[in-house]
Every structure is written in structure tokens, then in C-alpha cells.
Amino acid sequence: MRVITLSAPDDVDGWRDAARGLLADHVAPDAVVWQVGDAATDLFAAAAAEPPPAPRPDATAPAMRVPRAFLDLASSAALHRDPERFALLYAMLWRLRDTPRLTDDHADPLVRRTETLAKSVRRDIHKMRAFVRFRSVSDDAGDRYVAWFEPEHHIVRANAAFFVNRFASMRWSILTPELSLHWDGGALHEGPAAERGDAPEGDPIEEVWKTYYASIFNPARVKVGTMLREMPRKYWKNMPETALVPQLLATAQARESGMIDKARARDSAVGDNAQAAWEALRDEASACTRCHLYKPATQTVFGEGPVDATMMFVGEQPGDQEDLAGHPFVGPAGQVFDRALAAAGITRAETYVTNAVKHFKFEPRGKRRIHAKPDAGEIEACRWWIEQEQMLLRPKMTVALGATAARSLFGKVMTIGRERGRALRLPDGGAAWITVHPSYLLRLPDEAAKASEYERFVEDLRMARAALG
């Protein structure tokens, strides 16, 4: 009996290396015992003795080619809490020698069970990303954001990169019963397991968030069963907004009836709840410290426009004049933008205009402040605000003005030259259009180029408007 000891419950690399060696030694699955550290996963693992390795086959023999589909499946399934997961994966790998397309047979019991494990792990990864809630605490180095989460499977390390990329400019900690992750803005560190009491209970921002959540809650769309499937009760105690759910559900029918009664007479009151939620969001953003850009900037420059606008325009960041005035697109680029909107038949007063980054990033040169392009961490730190604006307004068309805005909206680098001039879909399913930032027109070297590119910019705006239908 061969005993394989892995270093951790999520030691996927260790399993892969061991499985490769076992295959080379022609060790059948029923002759292997898998365990993690000192914890046996088999009744006889502690008593089993590992014999000397059998002679290896000819080293010149070609290595087994493993399908990519199996590697992807194994990388997820190996993180499950099922104590048999490593044995199941090795048994499947063993069968792949003779049946290379085994992963395509979804009716096979072993394949079906392994896919079930992988699906459960992927769902748990999604739940962690969706339901982690950070609370602000202070230490000697300033603000740190701490969250508590109880995963069902061994997903914490596998999920670390997501949080590092999403909150690169924050100092944060995620505490779990299995291990802890700590990000200091430059490096990720692991810590020991924690308890629920080690995480803070709340912070002042939560009251603002509760107000916002209660304002956007739509009783007419409540489906309790679906909500519980997507957001099980076990996560409620860690999320501030869920404290409101029982009361909101209890009053949902009455609120829905009230909405129907007021439907015919609400023309003057359309958007009242959305307006209140937007104002709460704007007030919260005025104290934003999610990245370092708030320190030298004069103020947060939040979006402006009606909350029922059908078109939302997203620029890069406020400039010098916007930073001083506190309003988006009021400088030279804003004047070009207003002129182009009018030429395209769009009234700015009926649109919502905002920026991917809400603080002015600049380099001081004497008495002047020279625009500096936001980096990926700053864009990502501010992306939360854009997501909330989109969720609140739900515009029929969102227009990205420039590469920074496109990266913020799509969550990845977008090439303007390739994507410009055609309708796109945002990750949330909304319609989008990509064009240049009006400041690009100001930087062109000669008047002929400016005139040509201006007409092309206006045409982009016309097409985006036409795509509304």
C-alpha cells in the first residue's frame, strides 16, 4: 500500500506531482492511501507501510498526455471537503490512460461525482467573492479593512488573487476558521485560523449602506426561494444589509400594493427612492479613502444627471477645473463633449455623466497641476462606485469615453481601435459603446486631424444613441 501525504487540504500541486509519480510506477488506485498531514483519510492509512518504489518503466517512454478538461476539473474538485476527493481524482486519471475522452462522458458515475464536487467548489468561490464584507478598523499604519467568512470548502488560498487584484490599494484581512489572509498593499501574508469574534462587528459606513440597500429594495421582484438559494442564511450574519431583509420581506406585500396604487399618479415622483439612494451614495463617496488619490485632491467629483437617464457617459477622471468645481466635464474637454453631444442630437441634461476615477490624479509642476493617468490599482479601487451608479441608474446605454473608462466598466483592458463603433455587452448584461475621450481631440497636433476626429467622435455618439432603439 502506498501512502501519499499532502501538505495541506488544498495542496493541488502536491497531488498532481504525486499522481504523476504513481502513474509512472503503475500504482493502481486501490493501492494508494491519500492523507493530509497527520490526518488519515482512510481507515487503514495509519497502519499502512509504504514499500520501496517499484522499478520505473523505460524513461524514454512518452509521458501520458492529460486532457485540459481534466486538469480544470481537478483544480476545482481537489478543493472540496470530501475526504475521498484525491482518491477519486486519481482513479479518474488512471482511467484516462485507456479512455482519453472520459471527461466527455457526463453520464459516467465517476465523472458525474467529480463534476458535482467541482461545481460545489466553484459555487463556494463565487459566494466568497459576493458575500465578503469588509469593516474598517484603525491600527498604527492607518485604516485596515477586516472581513470574516466561513467557506464550505478549501477555497481561501485559491481565491486570494481575486481579492488582491480587486482591492490592491487597500490594506485588508480576511479571517476564516481555516486560515487568514493579510494584504499590506504590496505583499500577501497568511495567518492562522481565526474565530468570528476576531472580526469587527460594524463601522459607521454600514448605516449609509443600509440606507442605500433599503432604498433600492424592490418588493415587486422578491422571490424568497431564489434569494435563499443564491444567498443562504449562513452568510446573513456577516452582511449588514441582510439585517434588514426580514423586515423588508415582511412589508413587501404592503409596499408592492402601495407601488401599484401610486403608479398612475407618480409622474412627478418617479425616481424618488432612486434619488434618495443616489444622494446617499454621493454623500458616502465624498468621504472616500479607497485609494491614496483622495489625499492631494480637493474633493471627490461624483457623477451628475437624472437618475432615470437612459444614457450614462463614463470618462477617465476629473481634471484640474473639475477638481476645483466639484462637477464632472466642466473644463476644456467638457466643452468639446457638450458641443459633440449637441451635434449628435443628445441633450446633456438628460444624460448621466461620471468618471471611472473620482479624484484628480496629477503631478505638480510649479503652480500648475498636470494630469497623470490612473493606474490599474486606482481604477480597480474606484470601480466599486461605478458599479453602484450603474446598479442604481440601470441605463439603457453606457458609453465609455476612453481606455480607462472601458477598463473600469469591463473589468479588463479593452482596445479602443478594435472595439470602437459597435454595440457591446457589459458583464452585467447592459448595452455599451466605446469611443475616445474628448481630451484626445484636444491633444491632436493639427486642425485637420482635430476636425476629422471630432466628426468621427460625433458619429460614435449618434450610433450609441441610435442603438437605444
Protein backbone atom coordinates (compact mmCIF):
# COMPACT_ATOMS: atom_id res chain seq x y z
CA MET A 1 0.00 0.00 0.00
CA ARG A 2 1.42 3.38 -1.00
CA VAL A 3 0.65 6.23 1.44
CA ILE A 4 0.75 9.74 -0.04
CA THR A 5 0.87 12.61 2.45
CA LEU A 6 -0.09 16.05 1.21
CA SER A 7 0.96 19.24 2.99
CA ALA A 8 -2.45 20.94 3.13
CA PRO A 9 -6.12 20.29 2.30
CA ASP A 10 -5.75 22.44 -0.84
CA ASP A 11 -2.37 21.04 -1.92
CA VAL A 12 -3.37 20.61 -5.57
CA ASP A 13 0.22 20.84 -6.79
CA GLY A 14 1.29 18.16 -4.32
CA TRP A 15 -1.49 15.86 -5.51
CA ARG A 16 -0.52 16.46 -9.14
CA ASP A 17 3.16 15.65 -8.52
CA ALA A 18 2.28 12.53 -6.51
CA ALA A 19 -0.21 11.33 -9.12
CA ARG A 20 2.39 11.75 -11.86
CA GLY A 21 4.83 9.58 -9.90
CA LEU A 22 2.20 6.94 -9.14
CA LEU A 23 1.28 6.68 -12.81
CA ALA A 24 4.94 6.30 -13.73
CA ASP A 25 5.20 3.46 -11.19
CA HIS A 26 1.96 1.85 -12.47
CA VAL A 27 0.40 2.03 -8.98
CA ALA A 28 -3.31 1.24 -9.21
CA PRO A 29 -5.82 3.48 -7.36
CA ASP A 30 -6.79 0.74 -4.90
CA ALA A 31 -3.14 0.51 -3.80
CA VAL A 32 -2.92 4.16 -2.74
CA VAL A 33 -3.93 5.88 0.50
CA TRP A 34 -4.18 9.67 0.46
CA GLN A 35 -3.91 11.79 3.57
CA VAL A 36 -3.34 15.42 4.54
CA GLY A 37 -0.60 15.96 7.11
CA ASP A 38 -1.17 13.61 10.01
CA ALA A 39 -4.89 13.33 9.36
CA ALA A 40 -5.66 9.99 7.76
CA THR A 41 -8.38 9.93 5.12
CA ASP A 42 -8.51 6.14 5.08
CA LEU A 43 -9.28 3.76 7.95
CA PHE A 44 -6.06 1.82 7.41
CA ALA A 45 -3.80 4.74 6.45
CA ALA A 46 -2.08 4.96 9.82
CA ALA A 47 -1.16 1.29 9.78
CA ALA A 48 -0.17 1.11 6.13
CA ALA A 49 3.53 0.92 5.41
CA GLU A 50 4.96 2.42 2.27
CA PRO A 51 7.06 -0.18 0.39
CA PRO A 52 10.07 0.76 -1.68
CA PRO A 53 9.07 2.21 -5.04
CA ALA A 54 8.71 -0.31 -7.84
CA PRO A 55 11.21 -0.05 -10.71
CA ARG A 56 10.14 2.67 -13.09
CA PRO A 57 9.44 1.89 -16.73
CA ASP A 58 11.69 2.92 -19.55
CA ALA A 59 12.46 6.64 -19.11
CA THR A 60 12.28 7.10 -22.86
CA ALA A 61 8.61 6.11 -22.95
CA PRO A 62 6.33 9.06 -23.81
CA ALA A 63 4.60 10.73 -20.87
CA MET A 64 0.84 10.45 -20.59
CA ARG A 65 -1.00 13.40 -22.11
CA VAL A 66 -3.69 14.63 -19.75
CA PRO A 67 -6.69 16.47 -21.27
CA ARG A 68 -7.06 20.12 -20.30
CA ALA A 69 -10.66 19.41 -19.31
CA PHE A 70 -9.46 17.03 -16.60
CA LEU A 71 -6.85 19.47 -15.27
CA ASP A 72 -9.50 22.19 -14.95
CA LEU A 73 -11.89 19.76 -13.29
CA ALA A 74 -9.25 18.51 -10.86
CA SER A 75 -8.09 22.01 -9.86
CA SER A 76 -11.61 22.71 -8.58
CA ALA A 77 -12.65 19.29 -7.26
CA ALA A 78 -9.44 18.95 -5.22
CA LEU A 79 -10.55 21.90 -3.07
CA HIS A 80 -13.73 20.11 -1.90
CA ARG A 81 -14.06 18.93 1.71
CA ASP A 82 -14.93 15.39 0.61
CA PRO A 83 -12.15 13.24 2.17
CA GLU A 84 -12.22 10.96 -0.89
CA ARG A 85 -11.57 13.74 -3.41
CA PHE A 86 -7.89 12.92 -4.04
CA ALA A 87 -8.60 9.22 -4.44
CA LEU A 88 -11.48 9.95 -6.83
CA LEU A 89 -9.30 12.20 -8.96
CA TYR A 90 -6.51 9.64 -9.13
CA ALA A 91 -8.99 6.92 -10.08
CA MET A 92 -10.26 9.12 -12.86
CA LEU A 93 -6.73 9.92 -14.00
CA TRP A 94 -5.93 6.19 -14.04
CA ARG A 95 -8.90 5.50 -16.32
CA LEU A 96 -7.90 8.32 -18.67
CA ARG A 97 -4.95 6.22 -19.80
CA ASP A 98 -7.31 3.89 -21.65
CA THR A 99 -10.20 6.29 -22.19
CA PRO A 100 -8.76 9.70 -23.15
CA ARG A 101 -12.22 11.21 -23.70
CA LEU A 102 -13.61 10.05 -20.38
CA THR A 103 -14.35 13.62 -19.25
CA ASP A 104 -16.84 13.93 -22.13
CA ASP A 105 -18.97 11.12 -20.70
CA HIS A 106 -21.08 13.09 -18.23
CA ALA A 107 -23.22 10.02 -17.51
CA ASP A 108 -20.25 8.10 -16.11
CA PRO A 109 -20.73 7.84 -12.30
CA LEU A 110 -17.12 8.83 -11.50
CA VAL A 111 -17.18 11.77 -13.89
CA ARG A 112 -20.59 12.87 -12.61
CA ARG A 113 -19.48 12.74 -8.98
CA THR A 114 -16.26 14.63 -9.68
CA GLU A 115 -18.15 17.30 -11.62
CA THR A 116 -20.52 17.68 -8.68
CA LEU A 117 -17.56 18.31 -6.38
CA ALA A 118 -16.08 20.88 -8.78
CA LYS A 119 -19.41 22.66 -9.20
CA SER A 120 -19.83 22.95 -5.43
CA VAL A 121 -16.32 24.41 -5.10
CA ARG A 122 -16.87 26.94 -7.87
CA ARG A 123 -20.13 27.97 -6.23
CA ASP A 124 -18.33 28.45 -2.91
CA ILE A 125 -15.67 30.58 -4.61
CA HIS A 126 -18.42 32.76 -6.05
CA LYS A 127 -20.11 33.04 -2.64
CA MET A 128 -16.88 34.24 -1.04
CA ARG A 129 -16.45 36.91 -3.69
CA ALA A 130 -20.07 38.02 -3.37
CA PHE A 131 -20.59 37.90 0.38
CA VAL A 132 -17.32 39.04 1.96
CA ARG A 133 -18.00 42.35 3.74
CA PHE A 134 -15.09 44.43 4.98
CA ARG A 135 -15.31 46.56 8.13
CA SER A 136 -12.94 49.44 8.73
CA VAL A 137 -10.61 49.36 11.74
CA SER A 138 -7.61 51.52 12.64
CA ASP A 139 -4.11 50.44 13.56
CA ASP A 140 -0.70 52.09 13.75
CA ALA A 141 -0.44 52.18 9.95
CA GLY A 142 -3.89 53.72 9.39
CA ASP A 143 -7.10 52.16 8.09
CA ARG A 144 -7.36 48.40 7.64
CA TYR A 145 -10.40 46.56 6.35
CA VAL A 146 -11.27 43.27 8.02
CA ALA A 147 -13.79 40.64 6.92
CA TRP A 148 -14.99 37.31 8.31
CA PHE A 149 -16.02 34.44 6.04
CA GLU A 150 -16.86 30.76 6.62
CA PRO A 151 -16.14 28.78 3.44
CA GLU A 152 -17.65 25.37 2.85
CA HIS A 153 -14.53 24.09 1.08
CA HIS A 154 -10.78 24.75 0.96
CA ILE A 155 -11.04 27.78 -1.32
CA VAL A 156 -9.39 30.59 0.64
CA ARG A 157 -5.92 30.44 -0.92
CA ALA A 158 -7.37 29.81 -4.37
CA ASN A 159 -9.47 32.98 -4.02
CA ALA A 160 -6.66 35.19 -2.73
CA ALA A 161 -5.62 36.57 -6.14
CA PHE A 162 -9.15 37.86 -6.78
CA PHE A 163 -9.14 39.99 -3.64
CA VAL A 164 -5.56 41.18 -4.19
CA ASN A 165 -6.47 42.38 -7.69
CA ARG A 166 -9.83 43.82 -6.67
CA PHE A 167 -8.60 45.67 -3.58
CA ALA A 168 -4.96 46.26 -4.43
CA SER A 169 -4.81 49.73 -2.87
CA MET A 170 -6.47 48.75 0.42
CA ARG A 171 -4.89 47.13 3.47
CA TRP A 172 -7.17 44.24 4.30
CA SER A 173 -7.54 40.96 6.15
CA ILE A 174 -9.93 38.07 5.52
CA LEU A 175 -10.37 35.84 8.56
CA THR A 176 -11.72 32.29 8.26
CA PRO A 177 -11.89 29.23 10.54
CA GLU A 178 -9.18 27.59 8.40
CA LEU A 179 -6.60 30.33 7.83
CA SER A 180 -6.33 34.10 7.43
CA LEU A 181 -5.14 36.28 4.56
CA HIS A 182 -3.49 39.66 5.14
CA TRP A 183 -2.67 42.15 2.36
CA ASP A 184 -0.47 45.13 3.23
CA GLY A 185 -0.68 46.85 -0.16
CA GLY A 186 2.40 45.13 -1.51
CA ALA A 187 2.53 41.54 -0.31
CA LEU A 188 0.10 38.83 0.79
CA HIS A 189 0.68 37.00 4.06
CA GLU A 190 -1.07 34.02 5.59
CA GLY A 191 -2.06 33.78 9.21
CA PRO A 192 -3.58 31.16 11.49
CA ALA A 193 -7.22 30.23 11.74
CA ALA A 194 -9.48 32.81 13.38
CA GLU A 195 -12.78 32.99 15.23
CA ARG A 196 -15.82 35.10 14.49
CA GLY A 197 -15.07 37.32 17.48
CA ASP A 198 -11.73 38.33 15.97
CA ALA A 199 -13.53 40.34 13.28
CA PRO A 200 -15.17 43.73 13.98
CA GLU A 201 -18.95 43.88 14.23
CA GLY A 202 -19.52 47.00 12.14
CA ASP A 203 -18.46 50.53 11.26
CA PRO A 204 -20.17 53.89 10.55
CA ILE A 205 -20.27 53.33 6.78
CA GLU A 206 -22.69 50.44 7.27
CA GLU A 207 -25.54 52.78 8.18
CA VAL A 208 -25.12 54.57 4.85
CA TRP A 209 -25.01 51.21 3.05
CA LYS A 210 -28.18 50.06 4.82
CA THR A 211 -29.97 53.22 3.75
CA TYR A 212 -28.87 52.63 0.17
CA TYR A 213 -29.87 48.95 0.22
CA ALA A 214 -33.30 49.69 1.70
CA SER A 215 -33.85 52.37 -0.96
CA ILE A 216 -33.14 50.07 -3.91
CA PHE A 217 -35.05 47.07 -2.48
CA ASN A 218 -37.87 46.25 -4.90
CA PRO A 219 -40.70 44.32 -3.20
CA ALA A 220 -42.30 43.51 -6.55
CA ARG A 221 -39.31 41.40 -7.55
CA VAL A 222 -38.88 39.42 -4.33
CA LYS A 223 -38.56 35.64 -4.78
CA VAL A 224 -37.66 34.25 -1.39
CA GLY A 225 -36.76 30.78 -2.62
CA THR A 226 -34.40 32.10 -5.26
CA MET A 227 -32.86 34.55 -2.80
CA LEU A 228 -32.16 31.79 -0.29
CA ARG A 229 -30.59 29.59 -2.95
CA GLU A 230 -28.29 32.38 -4.04
CA MET A 231 -27.70 33.86 -0.59
CA PRO A 232 -28.16 31.16 2.10
CA ARG A 233 -28.92 32.30 5.63
CA LYS A 234 -25.48 31.20 6.88
CA TYR A 235 -23.99 34.30 5.22
CA TRP A 236 -26.55 36.75 6.61
CA LYS A 237 -24.85 37.34 9.94
CA ASN A 238 -21.74 38.69 8.17
CA MET A 239 -23.58 41.14 5.88
CA PRO A 240 -25.01 44.43 7.17
CA GLU A 241 -27.79 44.68 4.60
CA THR A 242 -29.24 41.27 5.46
CA ALA A 243 -30.23 42.53 8.90
CA LEU A 244 -32.89 44.49 7.01
CA VAL A 245 -34.15 41.55 4.93
CA PRO A 246 -36.71 40.08 7.40
CA GLN A 247 -38.43 43.45 7.86
CA LEU A 248 -38.26 44.25 4.15
CA LEU A 249 -39.80 40.86 3.33
CA ALA A 250 -42.49 41.28 5.98
CA THR A 251 -43.57 44.58 4.49
CA ALA A 252 -43.01 43.59 0.83
CA GLN A 253 -46.68 42.89 0.03
CA ALA A 254 -47.87 46.15 1.55
CA ARG A 255 -45.13 48.08 -0.22
CA GLU A 256 -45.96 46.40 -3.53
CA SER A 257 -49.63 47.31 -3.15
CA GLY A 258 -48.62 50.87 -2.41
CA MET A 259 -46.49 50.97 -5.51
CA ILE A 260 -49.41 49.80 -7.66
CA ASP A 261 -51.79 52.34 -6.11
CA LYS A 262 -49.40 55.17 -6.84
CA ALA A 263 -48.42 54.03 -10.34
CA ARG A 264 -50.88 56.27 -12.22
CA ALA A 265 -50.01 59.39 -10.23
CA ARG A 266 -46.28 59.04 -9.88
CA ASP A 267 -45.06 61.09 -12.86
CA SER A 268 -43.78 63.82 -10.58
CA ALA A 269 -42.41 61.35 -8.09
CA VAL A 270 -40.65 58.89 -10.41
CA GLY A 271 -37.24 58.08 -9.06
CA ASP A 272 -37.84 59.38 -5.53
CA ASN A 273 -36.34 56.25 -3.96
CA ALA A 274 -33.57 56.12 -6.54
CA GLN A 275 -32.83 59.81 -5.98
CA ALA A 276 -32.55 59.30 -2.23
CA ALA A 277 -30.30 56.27 -2.77
CA TRP A 278 -28.12 58.22 -5.23
CA GLU A 279 -27.78 61.08 -2.77
CA ALA A 280 -26.73 58.64 -0.05
CA LEU A 281 -24.21 57.10 -2.42
CA ARG A 282 -22.84 60.53 -3.41
CA ASP A 283 -22.52 61.56 0.24
CA GLU A 284 -20.68 58.33 1.04
CA ALA A 285 -18.31 58.90 -1.90
CA SER A 286 -17.49 62.39 -0.64
CA ALA A 287 -15.53 60.74 2.18
CA CYS A 288 -13.96 58.02 0.01
CA THR A 289 -10.48 56.86 1.03
CA ARG A 290 -10.39 53.64 -1.01
CA CYS A 291 -7.11 54.73 -2.62
CA HIS A 292 -4.45 57.35 -1.94
CA LEU A 293 -5.72 59.83 -4.57
CA TYR A 294 -8.07 61.47 -2.06
CA LYS A 295 -5.12 62.97 -0.16
CA PRO A 296 -3.88 65.60 -2.68
CA ALA A 297 -7.24 66.12 -4.42
CA THR A 298 -9.53 69.00 -3.49
CA GLN A 299 -12.66 66.85 -3.33
CA THR A 300 -14.48 63.84 -4.72
CA VAL A 301 -16.07 64.59 -8.09
CA PHE A 302 -19.12 62.34 -8.28
CA GLY A 303 -21.41 61.71 -11.24
CA GLU A 304 -24.24 64.06 -12.16
CA GLY A 305 -27.50 63.80 -14.05
CA PRO A 306 -31.03 62.43 -13.67
CA VAL A 307 -31.26 59.03 -12.00
CA ASP A 308 -33.65 57.86 -14.73
CA ALA A 309 -31.25 58.81 -17.55
CA THR A 310 -31.25 56.34 -20.44
CA MET A 311 -27.62 57.13 -21.35
CA MET A 312 -24.65 57.09 -18.98
CA PHE A 313 -21.26 58.51 -20.04
CA VAL A 314 -18.13 57.43 -18.18
CA GLY A 315 -14.90 59.39 -18.54
CA GLU A 316 -11.44 58.82 -17.08
CA GLN A 317 -11.10 61.14 -14.08
CA PRO A 318 -11.80 64.77 -13.13
CA GLY A 319 -9.29 67.33 -14.38
CA ASP A 320 -7.96 70.44 -12.72
CA GLN A 321 -11.11 72.52 -13.23
CA GLU A 322 -13.43 69.65 -12.29
CA ASP A 323 -11.45 69.07 -9.10
CA LEU A 324 -11.90 72.71 -8.08
CA ALA A 325 -15.55 72.97 -9.16
CA GLY A 326 -16.66 69.56 -7.88
CA HIS A 327 -18.54 68.79 -11.13
CA PRO A 328 -17.61 66.40 -13.99
CA PHE A 329 -16.76 67.60 -17.52
CA VAL A 330 -16.69 71.37 -16.96
CA GLY A 331 -13.16 72.03 -18.31
CA PRO A 332 -11.90 72.20 -21.90
CA ALA A 333 -12.67 68.52 -22.58
CA GLY A 334 -16.14 69.06 -21.14
CA GLN A 335 -16.77 71.90 -23.59
CA VAL A 336 -15.81 69.64 -26.50
CA PHE A 337 -18.05 66.95 -25.05
CA ASP A 338 -21.05 69.31 -24.76
CA ARG A 339 -20.59 70.51 -28.34
CA ALA A 340 -20.36 66.93 -29.64
CA LEU A 341 -23.47 65.86 -27.71
CA ALA A 342 -25.45 68.70 -29.23
CA ALA A 343 -24.20 67.79 -32.71
CA ALA A 344 -25.28 64.18 -32.13
CA GLY A 345 -28.75 65.25 -31.02
CA ILE A 346 -28.22 64.36 -27.37
CA THR A 347 -29.17 66.71 -24.55
CA ARG A 348 -26.64 66.59 -21.75
CA ALA A 349 -29.27 67.49 -19.17
CA GLU A 350 -30.96 64.16 -19.96
CA THR A 351 -27.79 62.08 -19.55
CA TYR A 352 -25.78 60.93 -16.55
CA VAL A 353 -22.09 61.85 -16.68
CA THR A 354 -19.45 60.41 -14.38
CA ASN A 355 -15.82 59.24 -14.26
CA ALA A 356 -14.10 55.91 -13.69
CA VAL A 357 -11.89 57.54 -11.02
CA LYS A 358 -13.48 60.11 -8.73
CA HIS A 359 -10.36 62.02 -7.60
CA PHE A 360 -7.97 64.14 -9.67
CA LYS A 361 -4.57 62.48 -10.13
CA PHE A 362 -1.88 64.96 -11.03
CA GLU A 363 1.81 65.86 -10.91
CA PRO A 364 2.65 69.33 -9.53
CA ARG A 365 4.82 71.48 -11.79
CA GLY A 366 5.35 74.84 -10.21
CA LYS A 367 1.91 76.34 -9.72
CA ARG A 368 0.34 74.03 -12.28
CA ARG A 369 -1.18 70.58 -11.73
CA ILE A 370 -0.54 68.29 -14.70
CA HIS A 371 -2.90 65.38 -15.38
CA ALA A 372 -1.48 61.91 -14.62
CA LYS A 373 -3.11 58.72 -15.91
CA PRO A 374 -4.68 56.50 -13.21
CA ASP A 375 -3.05 53.10 -12.79
CA ALA A 376 -4.78 49.71 -12.61
CA GLY A 377 -4.97 49.70 -8.80
CA GLU A 378 -6.58 53.12 -8.67
CA ILE A 379 -9.09 52.18 -11.37
CA GLU A 380 -9.97 48.98 -9.53
CA ALA A 381 -10.30 50.75 -6.17
CA CYS A 382 -12.80 53.20 -7.67
CA ARG A 383 -14.66 50.59 -9.70
CA TRP A 384 -16.99 49.93 -6.79
CA TRP A 385 -18.55 53.39 -7.20
CA ILE A 386 -19.15 52.87 -10.93
CA GLU A 387 -20.81 49.54 -10.22
CA GLN A 388 -23.13 51.18 -7.68
CA GLU A 389 -24.00 54.01 -10.07
CA GLN A 390 -24.84 51.50 -12.80
CA MET A 391 -26.87 49.34 -10.44
CA LEU A 392 -28.84 52.38 -9.31
CA LEU A 393 -29.45 54.02 -12.70
CA ARG A 394 -29.64 50.91 -14.90
CA PRO A 395 -29.10 52.98 -18.08
CA LYS A 396 -30.12 51.53 -21.42
CA MET A 397 -26.75 52.55 -22.88
CA THR A 398 -23.40 53.14 -21.18
CA VAL A 399 -20.74 54.92 -23.22
CA ALA A 400 -17.08 54.52 -22.23
CA LEU A 401 -15.07 57.62 -23.10
CA GLY A 402 -11.51 56.35 -23.43
CA ALA A 403 -9.47 53.33 -22.38
CA THR A 404 -9.61 53.98 -18.62
CA ALA A 405 -13.41 54.11 -18.63
CA ALA A 406 -13.59 50.95 -20.76
CA ARG A 407 -11.27 49.08 -18.40
CA SER A 408 -13.37 50.13 -15.40
CA LEU A 409 -16.65 49.08 -17.00
CA PHE A 410 -15.50 45.77 -18.47
CA GLY A 411 -13.00 44.83 -15.75
CA LYS A 412 -10.22 44.25 -18.27
CA VAL A 413 -8.11 46.09 -20.84
CA MET A 414 -10.15 46.99 -23.93
CA THR A 415 -8.58 48.16 -27.21
CA ILE A 416 -10.47 51.20 -28.48
CA GLY A 417 -9.35 50.73 -32.07
CA ARG A 418 -10.77 47.21 -32.17
CA GLU A 419 -13.94 47.70 -30.12
CA ARG A 420 -14.95 51.18 -31.27
CA GLY A 421 -18.02 51.60 -33.44
CA ARG A 422 -20.06 48.56 -32.42
CA ALA A 423 -22.53 47.61 -29.70
CA LEU A 424 -21.05 45.65 -26.79
CA ARG A 425 -22.33 43.92 -23.68
CA LEU A 426 -21.14 44.76 -20.18
CA PRO A 427 -20.50 41.95 -17.67
CA ASP A 428 -23.92 42.69 -16.10
CA GLY A 429 -25.62 42.36 -19.49
CA GLY A 430 -26.16 46.07 -20.15
CA ALA A 431 -25.56 47.66 -23.55
CA ALA A 432 -22.32 49.58 -24.02
CA TRP A 433 -20.39 51.60 -26.57
CA ILE A 434 -16.72 52.56 -26.60
CA THR A 435 -15.24 55.73 -28.10
CA VAL A 436 -12.39 58.13 -27.41
CA HIS A 437 -12.21 60.63 -24.57
CA PRO A 438 -12.86 64.22 -25.72
CA SER A 439 -9.48 65.25 -24.30
CA TYR A 440 -7.92 63.11 -27.03
CA LEU A 441 -9.28 65.57 -29.59
CA LEU A 442 -7.59 68.45 -27.79
CA ARG A 443 -4.20 66.73 -27.99
CA LEU A 444 -4.20 66.20 -31.77
CA PRO A 445 -1.39 68.15 -33.49
CA ASP A 446 -3.16 69.87 -36.37
CA GLU A 447 -6.58 71.34 -37.09
CA ALA A 448 -7.38 68.98 -39.97
CA ALA A 449 -6.86 65.94 -37.74
CA LYS A 450 -8.94 67.54 -34.99
CA ALA A 451 -11.82 68.25 -37.37
CA SER A 452 -11.76 64.72 -38.78
CA GLU A 453 -11.60 63.00 -35.40
CA TYR A 454 -14.26 65.31 -33.98
CA GLU A 455 -16.70 64.25 -36.70
CA ARG A 456 -15.89 60.62 -36.01
CA PHE A 457 -16.48 61.20 -32.28
CA VAL A 458 -19.87 62.80 -33.02
CA GLU A 459 -20.77 59.84 -35.23
CA ASP A 460 -19.90 57.45 -32.38
CA LEU A 461 -22.31 59.35 -30.14
CA ARG A 462 -25.02 59.25 -32.81
CA MET A 463 -24.64 55.48 -33.23
CA ALA A 464 -24.75 54.93 -29.46
CA ARG A 465 -27.96 56.96 -29.29
CA ALA A 466 -29.44 55.08 -32.26
CA ALA A 467 -28.66 51.76 -30.59
CA LEU A 468 -31.16 52.66 -27.87
CA GLY A 469 -33.88 51.84 -30.37
